[in-house]
């Protein structure tokens, strides 16, 4: 964690039980009415990312709908997306993003401990050519905000134009979210504490 990051929440999560019509409408647009009901009743724990974004329903409603596109409607391999997000989380110091996506990558996509650690640390690993190119593109986008010609050519050996755009959008979206998480001082959800792989701190 950089010295600029807060040690606790700057924007406190808004408990689901306190959501008004605007907040419920925004969250339902992304997760559905049944999810909102279960969040509000306490039947289902509501992640801090959702309760924090609920502080600004006009913005978060649109953002969450866009974020759903990254998970449901892409040609991009979900495993590749998650490796890139893990690299983003590591490079941006976003521990909340890291913990959430380690769990997703491992439980839903079978990413191994070794792969998670290498994606986070940047240590050498036996990546496939497309995985190596995607991780290099992630490094370049986070650092320089553009993919180099050399790396782009490597991506283009395995991806069409649509997939390259999707990868770039995913990296950009999760870099943006990392900025929000870090600046808000978002704390880990209770079910993320002490689980998953250690956050690769600089």
Protein backbone atom coordinates (compact mmCIF):
# COMPACT_ATOMS: atom_id res chain seq x y z
CA UNK A 1 0.00 0.00 0.00
CA UNK A 2 1.38 3.40 -0.95
CA UNK A 3 1.64 6.21 1.58
CA UNK A 4 -1.14 7.99 -0.33
CA UNK A 5 -3.68 5.27 0.38
CA UNK A 6 -5.92 5.61 3.45
CA UNK A 7 -5.75 3.13 6.30
CA UNK A 8 -9.54 2.89 6.52
CA UNK A 9 -12.68 3.81 4.62
CA UNK A 10 -13.04 7.42 3.53
CA UNK A 11 -16.45 6.76 2.02
CA UNK A 12 -18.40 4.49 4.33
CA UNK A 13 -20.47 1.73 2.73
CA UNK A 14 -24.22 2.36 2.71
CA UNK A 15 -25.85 -0.71 4.32
CA UNK A 16 -28.37 -2.39 2.06
CA UNK A 17 -31.07 -2.04 4.71
CA UNK A 18 -30.77 1.75 4.31
CA UNK A 19 -31.09 1.85 0.51
CA UNK A 20 -33.85 4.03 -0.87
CA UNK A 21 -35.56 3.70 -4.22
CA UNK A 22 -32.63 5.14 -6.20
CA UNK A 23 -30.10 2.80 -4.65
CA UNK A 24 -32.34 -0.24 -5.06
CA UNK A 25 -33.03 0.61 -8.70
CA UNK A 26 -29.31 1.05 -9.45
CA UNK A 27 -28.28 -2.23 -7.84
CA UNK A 28 -31.23 -4.14 -9.32
CA UNK A 29 -30.18 -2.98 -12.79
CA UNK A 30 -26.98 -4.96 -12.37
CA UNK A 31 -27.91 -7.84 -10.09
CA UNK A 32 -31.70 -8.16 -10.33
CA UNK A 33 -34.56 -7.55 -7.94
CA UNK A 34 -34.09 -10.87 -6.14
CA UNK A 35 -30.49 -10.01 -5.30
CA UNK A 36 -31.53 -6.62 -3.91
CA UNK A 37 -34.15 -8.29 -1.73
CA UNK A 38 -31.62 -10.79 -0.39
CA UNK A 39 -29.08 -8.02 0.27
CA UNK A 40 -31.64 -5.93 2.12
CA UNK A 41 -32.94 -8.81 4.22
CA UNK A 42 -29.43 -9.89 5.19
CA UNK A 43 -29.96 -13.31 3.65
CA UNK A 44 -27.03 -12.66 1.32
CA UNK A 45 -23.96 -10.64 2.39
CA UNK A 46 -23.58 -7.53 0.24
CA UNK A 47 -19.97 -6.86 -0.83
CA UNK A 48 -18.37 -3.58 0.18
CA UNK A 49 -17.93 -2.66 -3.47
CA UNK A 50 -21.71 -2.66 -3.91
CA UNK A 51 -22.54 -0.85 -0.67
CA UNK A 52 -19.88 1.77 -1.38
CA UNK A 53 -21.00 2.35 -4.96
CA UNK A 54 -24.55 2.68 -3.62
CA UNK A 55 -23.48 6.07 -2.24
CA UNK A 56 -23.77 7.36 -5.83
CA UNK A 57 -26.59 5.42 -7.50
CA UNK A 58 -26.73 7.51 -10.66
CA UNK A 59 -23.11 6.76 -11.44
CA UNK A 60 -22.91 3.25 -10.06
CA UNK A 61 -26.05 2.00 -11.80
CA UNK A 62 -24.56 2.73 -15.21
CA UNK A 63 -21.10 1.50 -14.23
CA UNK A 64 -22.35 -1.83 -12.90
CA UNK A 65 -24.30 -2.47 -16.10
CA UNK A 66 -21.15 -1.81 -18.13
CA UNK A 67 -19.13 -4.03 -15.83
CA UNK A 68 -21.60 -6.85 -16.45
CA UNK A 69 -20.75 -6.68 -20.15
CA UNK A 70 -17.14 -7.52 -19.29
CA UNK A 71 -18.32 -10.73 -17.63
CA UNK A 72 -21.21 -11.90 -19.79
CA UNK A 73 -20.95 -10.73 -23.36
CA UNK A 74 -17.31 -10.92 -24.43
CA UNK A 75 -15.47 -13.11 -26.91
CA UNK A 76 -12.39 -12.78 -24.68
CA UNK A 77 -11.42 -15.89 -22.73
CA UNK A 78 -12.52 -15.30 -19.08
CA UNK A 79 -9.29 -16.83 -17.81
CA UNK A 80 -7.28 -14.30 -19.80
CA UNK A 81 -9.46 -11.48 -18.46
CA UNK A 82 -8.84 -12.60 -14.88
CA UNK A 83 -5.08 -12.92 -15.29
CA UNK A 84 -5.03 -9.37 -16.63
CA UNK A 85 -7.19 -8.10 -13.74
CA UNK A 86 -4.88 -9.76 -11.21
CA UNK A 87 -1.94 -7.99 -12.83
CA UNK A 88 -3.85 -4.68 -12.72
CA UNK A 89 -4.68 -5.17 -9.03
CA UNK A 90 -1.06 -5.86 -8.22
CA UNK A 91 0.34 -2.98 -10.27
CA UNK A 92 -2.15 -0.49 -8.83
CA UNK A 93 -1.92 -1.63 -5.20
CA UNK A 94 -5.63 -2.54 -5.11
CA UNK A 95 -5.90 -5.20 -2.41
CA UNK A 96 -9.71 -5.34 -2.54
CA UNK A 97 -9.66 -5.95 -6.28
CA UNK A 98 -6.95 -8.57 -5.81
CA UNK A 99 -8.85 -10.53 -3.16
CA UNK A 100 -12.12 -10.52 -5.11
CA UNK A 101 -10.52 -11.69 -8.33
CA UNK A 102 -8.22 -14.28 -6.79
CA UNK A 103 -11.37 -15.94 -5.49
CA UNK A 104 -13.15 -15.66 -8.83
CA UNK A 105 -10.14 -16.87 -10.83
CA UNK A 106 -9.54 -19.87 -8.62
CA UNK A 107 -13.08 -20.97 -7.81
CA UNK A 108 -14.67 -20.40 -11.21
CA UNK A 109 -11.80 -20.68 -13.69
CA UNK A 110 -9.33 -23.07 -12.09
CA UNK A 111 -6.39 -20.67 -11.99
CA UNK A 112 -3.71 -22.26 -9.80
CA UNK A 113 -1.89 -20.77 -6.80
CA UNK A 114 1.31 -20.61 -8.84
CA UNK A 115 -0.44 -18.79 -11.68
CA UNK A 116 -2.08 -16.30 -9.32
CA UNK A 117 1.24 -15.55 -7.66
CA UNK A 118 3.04 -15.11 -10.98
CA UNK A 119 0.28 -12.91 -12.37
CA UNK A 120 0.60 -10.71 -9.31
CA UNK A 121 4.35 -10.59 -8.91
CA UNK A 122 5.37 -10.59 -12.56
CA UNK A 123 7.79 -13.42 -11.81
CA UNK A 124 8.76 -15.69 -14.71
CA UNK A 125 6.18 -18.37 -15.47
CA UNK A 126 5.43 -20.81 -18.25
CA UNK A 127 2.62 -18.73 -19.75
CA UNK A 128 1.14 -19.55 -23.13
CA UNK A 129 2.05 -17.01 -25.85
CA UNK A 130 -1.36 -15.35 -25.63
CA UNK A 131 -1.22 -15.15 -21.82
CA UNK A 132 2.27 -13.65 -21.91
CA UNK A 133 1.19 -11.09 -24.49
CA UNK A 134 -1.92 -10.15 -22.49
CA UNK A 135 0.09 -9.66 -19.30
CA UNK A 136 2.70 -7.58 -21.13
CA UNK A 137 -0.12 -5.48 -22.61
CA UNK A 138 -1.49 -5.00 -19.09
CA UNK A 139 1.88 -3.78 -17.85
CA UNK A 140 2.14 -1.31 -20.71
CA UNK A 141 -1.40 0.02 -20.37
CA UNK A 142 -1.07 0.59 -16.63
CA UNK A 143 2.34 2.24 -16.99
CA UNK A 144 2.12 4.05 -20.33
CA UNK A 145 -1.59 3.97 -21.27
CA UNK A 146 -0.85 2.41 -24.64
CA UNK A 147 0.12 -1.03 -25.95
CA UNK A 148 3.42 -0.99 -27.83
CA UNK A 149 3.59 -2.02 -31.48
CA UNK A 150 5.57 -5.13 -30.59
CA UNK A 151 3.10 -6.32 -27.96
CA UNK A 152 0.13 -5.42 -30.17
CA UNK A 153 1.53 -7.60 -32.94
CA UNK A 154 1.84 -10.48 -30.47
CA UNK A 155 -1.77 -10.02 -29.37
CA UNK A 156 -2.91 -9.91 -33.00
CA UNK A 157 -1.37 -13.33 -33.62
CA UNK A 158 -4.03 -14.82 -31.32
CA UNK A 159 -6.88 -12.29 -31.13
CA UNK A 160 -9.12 -10.50 -33.57
CA UNK A 161 -9.84 -6.78 -33.34
CA UNK A 162 -12.87 -7.28 -31.14
CA UNK A 163 -10.96 -9.35 -28.57
CA UNK A 164 -8.10 -6.85 -28.40
CA UNK A 165 -10.63 -4.07 -27.76
CA UNK A 166 -12.27 -6.19 -25.06
CA UNK A 167 -8.97 -6.85 -23.33
CA UNK A 168 -8.12 -3.14 -23.42
CA UNK A 169 -11.52 -2.19 -22.01
CA UNK A 170 -11.20 -4.78 -19.23
CA UNK A 171 -7.75 -3.53 -18.23
CA UNK A 172 -8.92 0.08 -18.35
CA UNK A 173 -12.10 -0.64 -16.39
CA UNK A 174 -10.27 -2.42 -13.60
CA UNK A 175 -7.57 0.23 -13.47
CA UNK A 176 -10.38 2.75 -12.96
CA UNK A 177 -11.97 0.57 -10.27
CA UNK A 178 -8.60 0.20 -8.54
CA UNK A 179 -8.39 3.99 -8.32
CA UNK A 180 -11.87 4.11 -6.80
CA UNK A 181 -11.20 1.28 -4.35
CA UNK A 182 -7.89 2.74 -3.22
CA UNK A 183 -9.18 6.29 -2.90
CA UNK A 184 -12.36 5.26 -1.04
CA UNK A 185 -10.28 3.12 1.32
CA UNK A 186 -12.43 0.09 0.60
CA UNK A 187 -11.94 -2.63 3.18
CA UNK A 188 -12.00 -6.36 2.54
CA UNK A 189 -15.31 -8.12 2.99
CA UNK A 190 -15.37 -10.44 5.99
CA UNK A 191 -15.38 -13.52 3.77
CA UNK A 192 -12.21 -12.35 2.01
CA UNK A 193 -10.08 -11.78 5.11
CA UNK A 194 -7.40 -14.42 5.50
CA UNK A 195 -8.41 -16.29 2.36
CA UNK A 196 -6.91 -16.62 -1.08
CA UNK A 197 -3.34 -15.80 -2.04
CA UNK A 198 -1.27 -13.10 -0.28
CA UNK A 199 -1.44 -9.67 -1.83
CA UNK A 200 1.89 -8.96 -3.65
CA UNK A 201 2.88 -5.75 -1.88
CA UNK A 202 5.68 -3.66 -3.38
